[in-house]
């Protein structure tokens, strides 16, 4: 997906979302040459915050008739409830690191069950 139309992108799927990072509305674009009904798509992203960009991609995947199989992210801001906003899509959401809070310059990670047995 792209956030800006390139000169070679003619026919696209597009979906809008609100970016908390830059504080304004953005548009995601996917060329119709790259996505069709036979595709199974795993969304991989750096952050999951509000879930708005992942939701925009899920809308594009649905519009194309493709099948979303999951969302994987490096860092999830647990306190922003992005996972909750994606729960209605019925697909797994996985993250490498889940941040519980950020207070006074201290990042508190959410520890998974069984973490203390590693």
Protein backbone atom coordinates (compact mmCIF):
# COMPACT_ATOMS: atom_id res chain seq x y z
CA UNK A 1 0.00 0.00 0.00
CA UNK A 2 1.09 3.54 -0.69
CA UNK A 3 0.24 6.82 0.98
CA UNK A 4 0.71 8.82 -2.23
CA UNK A 5 -0.20 8.08 -5.83
CA UNK A 6 2.85 7.47 -8.00
CA UNK A 7 2.89 8.50 -11.65
CA UNK A 8 2.54 4.87 -12.76
CA UNK A 9 -0.52 4.12 -10.58
CA UNK A 10 -3.60 4.53 -12.74
CA UNK A 11 -6.37 2.33 -11.34
CA UNK A 12 -6.36 1.91 -7.57
CA UNK A 13 -8.32 0.79 -4.57
CA UNK A 14 -8.26 3.51 -1.92
CA UNK A 15 -9.43 4.05 1.64
CA UNK A 16 -9.11 6.98 3.99
CA UNK A 17 -8.01 6.89 7.62
CA UNK A 18 -6.96 9.28 10.36
CA UNK A 19 -3.25 9.18 11.21
CA UNK A 20 -2.53 9.77 14.90
CA UNK A 21 1.17 10.03 14.02
CA UNK A 22 0.79 13.12 11.86
CA UNK A 23 -2.58 14.26 13.21
CA UNK A 24 -4.54 14.42 9.97
CA UNK A 25 -6.50 12.35 7.48
CA UNK A 26 -4.52 10.21 5.03
CA UNK A 27 -5.32 8.00 2.06
CA UNK A 28 -4.00 4.49 1.39
CA UNK A 29 -3.75 3.31 -2.20
CA UNK A 30 -3.25 -0.17 -3.68
CA UNK A 31 -2.94 -0.71 -7.41
CA UNK A 32 -5.69 -2.94 -8.80
CA UNK A 33 -2.88 -4.77 -10.64
CA UNK A 34 -1.59 -6.05 -7.27
CA UNK A 35 -4.75 -7.35 -5.57
CA UNK A 36 -7.58 -9.61 -6.72
CA UNK A 37 -10.16 -12.07 -5.40
CA UNK A 38 -7.74 -15.02 -5.37
CA UNK A 39 -5.33 -13.34 -2.95
CA UNK A 40 -4.93 -14.17 0.75
CA UNK A 41 -3.39 -11.17 2.48
CA UNK A 42 -1.43 -10.86 5.71
CA UNK A 43 -1.04 -7.22 6.76
CA UNK A 44 2.40 -6.53 8.27
CA UNK A 45 3.00 -3.12 9.82
CA UNK A 46 5.38 -1.42 12.23
CA UNK A 47 2.86 -0.02 14.77
CA UNK A 48 -0.65 -0.82 15.90
CA UNK A 49 -2.09 2.19 17.69
CA UNK A 50 -5.71 3.08 16.93
CA UNK A 51 -5.93 0.49 14.16
CA UNK A 52 -7.16 3.04 11.60
CA UNK A 53 -4.51 2.33 8.93
CA UNK A 54 -4.92 -1.44 9.28
CA UNK A 55 -8.69 -1.02 9.08
CA UNK A 56 -8.29 1.02 5.87
CA UNK A 57 -6.21 -1.82 4.38
CA UNK A 58 -8.84 -4.36 5.46
CA UNK A 59 -11.50 -2.30 3.66
CA UNK A 60 -9.35 -2.29 0.50
CA UNK A 61 -8.84 -6.07 0.74
CA UNK A 62 -12.59 -6.56 1.10
CA UNK A 63 -13.35 -4.24 -1.83
CA UNK A 64 -10.96 -6.27 -4.00
CA UNK A 65 -12.73 -9.49 -3.02
CA UNK A 66 -9.51 -10.84 -1.52
CA UNK A 67 -9.25 -12.60 1.86
CA UNK A 68 -7.51 -11.03 4.85
CA UNK A 69 -5.83 -13.73 6.95
CA UNK A 70 -4.35 -11.63 9.76
CA UNK A 71 -2.47 -8.60 10.99
CA UNK A 72 1.08 -8.75 12.33
CA UNK A 73 2.84 -5.76 13.90
CA UNK A 74 6.17 -5.11 15.55
CA UNK A 75 4.92 -2.78 18.32
CA UNK A 76 1.38 -2.56 19.68
CA UNK A 77 0.31 0.36 21.84
CA UNK A 78 -2.06 -1.64 24.03
CA UNK A 79 -3.47 1.51 25.65
CA UNK A 80 -4.76 2.85 22.28
CA UNK A 81 -7.16 -0.09 21.76
CA UNK A 82 -6.30 -0.76 18.09
CA UNK A 83 -6.69 -4.48 18.67
CA UNK A 84 -10.25 -3.87 19.89
CA UNK A 85 -11.09 -1.80 16.80
CA UNK A 86 -9.92 -4.67 14.55
CA UNK A 87 -11.76 -7.39 16.49
CA UNK A 88 -14.86 -7.15 14.30
CA UNK A 89 -12.95 -8.43 11.27
CA UNK A 90 -12.58 -11.93 12.73
CA UNK A 91 -8.89 -12.31 11.91
CA UNK A 92 -5.91 -12.89 14.22
CA UNK A 93 -3.89 -9.86 15.34
CA UNK A 94 -0.37 -10.62 16.56
CA UNK A 95 2.35 -8.33 17.85
CA UNK A 96 5.99 -8.88 18.77
CA UNK A 97 5.95 -6.32 21.61
CA UNK A 98 2.91 -4.91 23.44
CA UNK A 99 3.35 -1.58 25.21
CA UNK A 100 1.08 -1.27 28.27
CA UNK A 101 1.88 2.38 29.04
CA UNK A 102 4.29 5.24 28.61
CA UNK A 103 4.57 7.51 31.67
CA UNK A 104 7.29 9.98 32.63
CA UNK A 105 9.58 8.63 29.92
CA UNK A 106 9.21 5.02 31.10
CA UNK A 107 7.86 2.39 28.73
CA UNK A 108 6.01 -0.45 30.47
CA UNK A 109 5.70 -3.63 28.40
CA UNK A 110 2.82 -6.06 28.72
CA UNK A 111 4.18 -9.45 29.67
CA UNK A 112 2.43 -12.47 28.17
CA UNK A 113 1.42 -15.54 30.17
CA UNK A 114 4.36 -17.87 30.50
CA UNK A 115 6.93 -15.11 30.01
CA UNK A 116 8.45 -15.76 33.43
CA UNK A 117 9.08 -19.42 32.49
CA UNK A 118 11.36 -18.58 29.56
